[in-house]
Amino acid sequence: MTTLPGAMVMRNTAFLLIMLMSTLAFVPRAEASMVPTSLTMVAEARDQDLSTVQKVLENKAVKARLSALGYTDQEISGKLSLLSNDELSSLASQLNALDAGGDGLGIVVTLLVIVLLVVVILKLSNKTVSVH
């Protein structure tokens, strides 16, 4: 019995398609949908603000002051959970703006750099400063 060359190609193609469709039948169907960016950003911002506030509340001086005012840890965490996103963000930004001990180191470094620049400029121009 003789077969045509085109029939062999058709048979191989049909076999390949049957195998491909059988394989695809076993792949589970996955469904996904888009999550609005605003919802994820609000949740992340709230978590970040909450962690900032809690970090400040863990300070010993802050805990001592709040306990002196009569607040317990449970009351403080209860009040934090009642804050809205805007109130929590405002509180966190105000806490970030506070300097615990001031920024004295920055001022000292700036003054040292200025003095060093004046000395270098005087040395380069062969000038001396003498105090009588």
C-alpha atoms as a PDB file:
ATOM      1  CA  MET A   1       0.000   0.000   0.000  1.00  0.00           C
ATOM      2  CA  THR A   2       1.382   3.349  -0.947  1.00  0.00           C
ATOM      3  CA  THR A   3       0.798   6.562   0.966  1.00  0.00           C
ATOM      4  CA  LEU A   4       1.041  10.033  -0.277  1.00  0.00           C
ATOM      5  CA  PRO A   5       3.726  12.314   1.240  1.00  0.00           C
ATOM      6  CA  GLY A   6       1.108  14.975   2.045  1.00  0.00           C
ATOM      7  CA  ALA A   7      -0.985  12.428   3.977  1.00  0.00           C
ATOM      8  CA  MET A   8       1.967  11.693   6.289  1.00  0.00           C
ATOM      9  CA  VAL A   9       2.426  15.422   7.040  1.00  0.00           C
ATOM     10  CA  MET A  10      -1.306  15.751   7.750  1.00  0.00           C
ATOM     11  CA  ARG A  11      -1.238  12.733  10.070  1.00  0.00           C
ATOM     12  CA  ASN A  12       1.764  14.127  12.004  1.00  0.00           C
ATOM     13  CA  THR A  13       0.152  17.566  12.241  1.00  0.00           C
ATOM     14  CA  ALA A  14      -3.122  16.062  13.501  1.00  0.00           C
ATOM     15  CA  PHE A  15      -1.245  13.980  16.073  1.00  0.00           C
ATOM     16  CA  LEU A  16       0.694  17.065  17.240  1.00  0.00           C
ATOM     17  CA  LEU A  17      -2.546  19.072  17.591  1.00  0.00           C
ATOM     18  CA  ILE A  18      -4.224  16.266  19.547  1.00  0.00           C
ATOM     19  CA  MET A  19      -1.281  16.130  21.975  1.00  0.00           C
ATOM     20  CA  LEU A  20      -1.248  19.927  22.343  1.00  0.00           C
ATOM     21  CA  MET A  21      -4.982  20.142  23.051  1.00  0.00           C
ATOM     22  CA  SER A  22      -4.762  17.278  25.542  1.00  0.00           C
ATOM     23  CA  THR A  23      -1.971  19.043  27.385  1.00  0.00           C
ATOM     24  CA  LEU A  24      -3.878  22.319  27.483  1.00  0.00           C
ATOM     25  CA  ALA A  25      -6.936  20.555  28.907  1.00  0.00           C
ATOM     26  CA  PHE A  26      -5.019  19.783  32.119  1.00  0.00           C
ATOM     27  CA  VAL A  27      -3.713  23.313  32.737  1.00  0.00           C
ATOM     28  CA  PRO A  28      -5.732  24.984  35.491  1.00  0.00           C
ATOM     29  CA  ARG A  29      -7.556  28.151  34.618  1.00  0.00           C
ATOM     30  CA  ALA A  30      -6.239  31.202  36.420  1.00  0.00           C
ATOM     31  CA  GLU A  31      -8.202  34.346  36.925  1.00  0.00           C
ATOM     32  CA  ALA A  32      -6.822  37.678  37.991  1.00  0.00           C
ATOM     33  CA  SER A  33      -8.102  41.174  38.266  1.00  0.00           C
ATOM     34  CA  MET A  34      -6.600  44.588  38.734  1.00  0.00           C
ATOM     35  CA  VAL A  35      -6.312  46.085  42.209  1.00  0.00           C
ATOM     36  CA  PRO A  36      -6.685  49.852  42.213  1.00  0.00           C
ATOM     37  CA  THR A  37      -3.391  51.547  42.985  1.00  0.00           C
ATOM     38  CA  SER A  38      -5.016  54.032  45.319  1.00  0.00           C
ATOM     39  CA  LEU A  39      -6.186  51.275  47.659  1.00  0.00           C
ATOM     40  CA  THR A  40      -2.761  49.685  47.953  1.00  0.00           C
ATOM     41  CA  MET A  41      -1.025  53.041  48.407  1.00  0.00           C
ATOM     42  CA  VAL A  42      -3.432  54.085  51.171  1.00  0.00           C
ATOM     43  CA  ALA A  43      -2.848  50.834  53.049  1.00  0.00           C
ATOM     44  CA  GLU A  44       0.928  51.137  52.701  1.00  0.00           C
ATOM     45  CA  ALA A  45       0.890  54.775  53.807  1.00  0.00           C
ATOM     46  CA  ARG A  46      -1.242  53.943  56.853  1.00  0.00           C
ATOM     47  CA  ASP A  47       1.068  51.088  57.833  1.00  0.00           C
ATOM     48  CA  GLN A  48       4.121  53.312  57.465  1.00  0.00           C
ATOM     49  CA  ASP A  49       2.537  56.130  59.486  1.00  0.00           C
ATOM     50  CA  LEU A  50       1.428  53.698  62.175  1.00  0.00           C
ATOM     51  CA  SER A  51       4.918  52.237  62.479  1.00  0.00           C
ATOM     52  CA  THR A  52       6.367  55.765  62.773  1.00  0.00           C
ATOM     53  CA  VAL A  53       3.982  56.646  65.592  1.00  0.00           C
ATOM     54  CA  GLN A  54       4.552  53.329  67.375  1.00  0.00           C
ATOM     55  CA  LYS A  55       8.330  53.782  67.141  1.00  0.00           C
ATOM     56  CA  VAL A  56       8.015  57.137  68.919  1.00  0.00           C
ATOM     57  CA  LEU A  57       5.649  55.658  71.505  1.00  0.00           C
ATOM     58  CA  GLU A  58       8.261  52.991  72.354  1.00  0.00           C
ATOM     59  CA  ASN A  59      10.633  55.714  73.575  1.00  0.00           C
ATOM     60  CA  LYS A  60      11.148  55.519  77.359  1.00  0.00           C
ATOM     61  CA  ALA A  61      10.577  59.244  77.915  1.00  0.00           C
ATOM     62  CA  VAL A  62       7.338  59.209  75.934  1.00  0.00           C
ATOM     63  CA  LYS A  63       6.098  56.104  77.776  1.00  0.00           C
ATOM     64  CA  ALA A  64       6.931  57.677  81.130  1.00  0.00           C
ATOM     65  CA  ARG A  65       5.101  60.895  80.249  1.00  0.00           C
ATOM     66  CA  LEU A  66       2.014  59.071  78.973  1.00  0.00           C
ATOM     67  CA  SER A  67       1.897  56.867  82.059  1.00  0.00           C
ATOM     68  CA  ALA A  68       2.242  59.990  84.228  1.00  0.00           C
ATOM     69  CA  LEU A  69      -0.798  61.377  82.438  1.00  0.00           C
ATOM     70  CA  GLY A  70      -2.676  58.167  83.272  1.00  0.00           C
ATOM     71  CA  TYR A  71      -2.689  56.354  79.922  1.00  0.00           C
ATOM     72  CA  THR A  72      -2.096  52.623  79.680  1.00  0.00           C
ATOM     73  CA  ASP A  73      -0.638  50.814  76.662  1.00  0.00           C
ATOM     74  CA  GLN A  74      -4.070  49.352  75.833  1.00  0.00           C
ATOM     75  CA  GLU A  75      -5.695  52.785  75.856  1.00  0.00           C
ATOM     76  CA  ILE A  76      -2.994  54.216  73.607  1.00  0.00           C
ATOM     77  CA  SER A  77      -3.268  51.397  71.063  1.00  0.00           C
ATOM     78  CA  GLY A  78      -7.066  51.707  71.167  1.00  0.00           C
ATOM     79  CA  LYS A  79      -6.877  55.426  70.426  1.00  0.00           C
ATOM     80  CA  LEU A  80      -4.397  54.817  67.590  1.00  0.00           C
ATOM     81  CA  SER A  81      -6.756  52.358  65.939  1.00  0.00           C
ATOM     82  CA  LEU A  82      -9.551  54.969  66.045  1.00  0.00           C
ATOM     83  CA  LEU A  83      -7.528  57.583  64.133  1.00  0.00           C
ATOM     84  CA  SER A  84      -8.456  58.209  60.522  1.00  0.00           C
ATOM     85  CA  ASN A  85      -5.850  57.988  57.765  1.00  0.00           C
ATOM     86  CA  ASP A  86      -5.531  61.793  57.563  1.00  0.00           C
ATOM     87  CA  GLU A  87      -5.141  62.189  61.323  1.00  0.00           C
ATOM     88  CA  LEU A  88      -2.548  59.421  61.497  1.00  0.00           C
ATOM     89  CA  SER A  89      -0.616  60.911  58.573  1.00  0.00           C
ATOM     90  CA  SER A  90      -0.659  64.352  60.190  1.00  0.00           C
ATOM     91  CA  LEU A  91       0.572  62.934  63.505  1.00  0.00           C
ATOM     92  CA  ALA A  92       3.361  60.966  61.823  1.00  0.00           C
ATOM     93  CA  SER A  93       4.527  63.989  59.822  1.00  0.00           C
ATOM     94  CA  GLN A  94       4.563  66.130  62.984  1.00  0.00           C
ATOM     95  CA  LEU A  95       6.579  63.459  64.800  1.00  0.00           C
ATOM     96  CA  ASN A  96       9.053  63.269  61.909  1.00  0.00           C
ATOM     97  CA  ALA A  97       9.538  67.042  62.061  1.00  0.00           C
ATOM     98  CA  LEU A  98      10.594  66.935  65.728  1.00  0.00           C
ATOM     99  CA  ASP A  99      14.273  66.947  66.606  1.00  0.00           C
ATOM    100  CA  ALA A 100      14.802  64.981  69.806  1.00  0.00           C
ATOM    101  CA  GLY A 101      18.066  66.609  70.831  1.00  0.00           C
ATOM    102  CA  GLY A 102      18.298  69.387  68.302  1.00  0.00           C
ATOM    103  CA  ASP A 103      20.621  69.412  65.321  1.00  0.00           C
ATOM    104  CA  GLY A 104      23.759  70.662  67.076  1.00  0.00           C
ATOM    105  CA  LEU A 105      26.117  68.321  65.248  1.00  0.00           C
ATOM    106  CA  GLY A 106      25.195  69.788  61.863  1.00  0.00           C
ATOM    107  CA  ILE A 107      25.904  73.313  63.084  1.00  0.00           C
ATOM    108  CA  VAL A 108      29.301  72.311  64.511  1.00  0.00           C
ATOM    109  CA  VAL A 109      30.320  70.550  61.286  1.00  0.00           C
ATOM    110  CA  THR A 110      29.230  73.560  59.204  1.00  0.00           C
ATOM    111  CA  LEU A 111      31.259  75.952  61.337  1.00  0.00           C
ATOM    112  CA  LEU A 112      34.351  73.721  61.118  1.00  0.00           C
ATOM    113  CA  VAL A 113      34.054  73.559  57.317  1.00  0.00           C
ATOM    114  CA  ILE A 114      33.776  77.365  57.101  1.00  0.00           C
ATOM    115  CA  VAL A 115      36.837  77.857  59.335  1.00  0.00           C
ATOM    116  CA  LEU A 116      38.786  75.319  57.291  1.00  0.00           C
ATOM    117  CA  LEU A 117      37.870  77.095  54.044  1.00  0.00           C
ATOM    118  CA  VAL A 118      38.963  80.474  55.437  1.00  0.00           C
ATOM    119  CA  VAL A 119      42.317  78.995  56.535  1.00  0.00           C
ATOM    120  CA  VAL A 120      42.886  77.377  53.131  1.00  0.00           C
ATOM    121  CA  ILE A 121      42.037  80.597  51.274  1.00  0.00           C
ATOM    122  CA  LEU A 122      44.400  82.602  53.495  1.00  0.00           C
ATOM    123  CA  LYS A 123      47.215  80.082  52.977  1.00  0.00           C
ATOM    124  CA  LEU A 124      46.728  80.105  49.204  1.00  0.00           C
ATOM    125  CA  SER A 125      46.862  83.897  49.048  1.00  0.00           C
ATOM    126  CA  ASN A 126      49.936  84.062  51.364  1.00  0.00           C
ATOM    127  CA  LYS A 127      48.084  86.184  53.909  1.00  0.00           C
ATOM    128  CA  THR A 128      48.364  85.863  57.633  1.00  0.00           C
ATOM    129  CA  VAL A 129      46.063  86.953  60.391  1.00  0.00           C
ATOM    130  CA  SER A 130      47.630  88.144  63.600  1.00  0.00           C
ATOM    131  CA  VAL A 131      45.841  89.154  66.750  1.00  0.00           C
ATOM    132  CA  HIS A 132      47.537  91.856  68.887  1.00  0.00           C
END
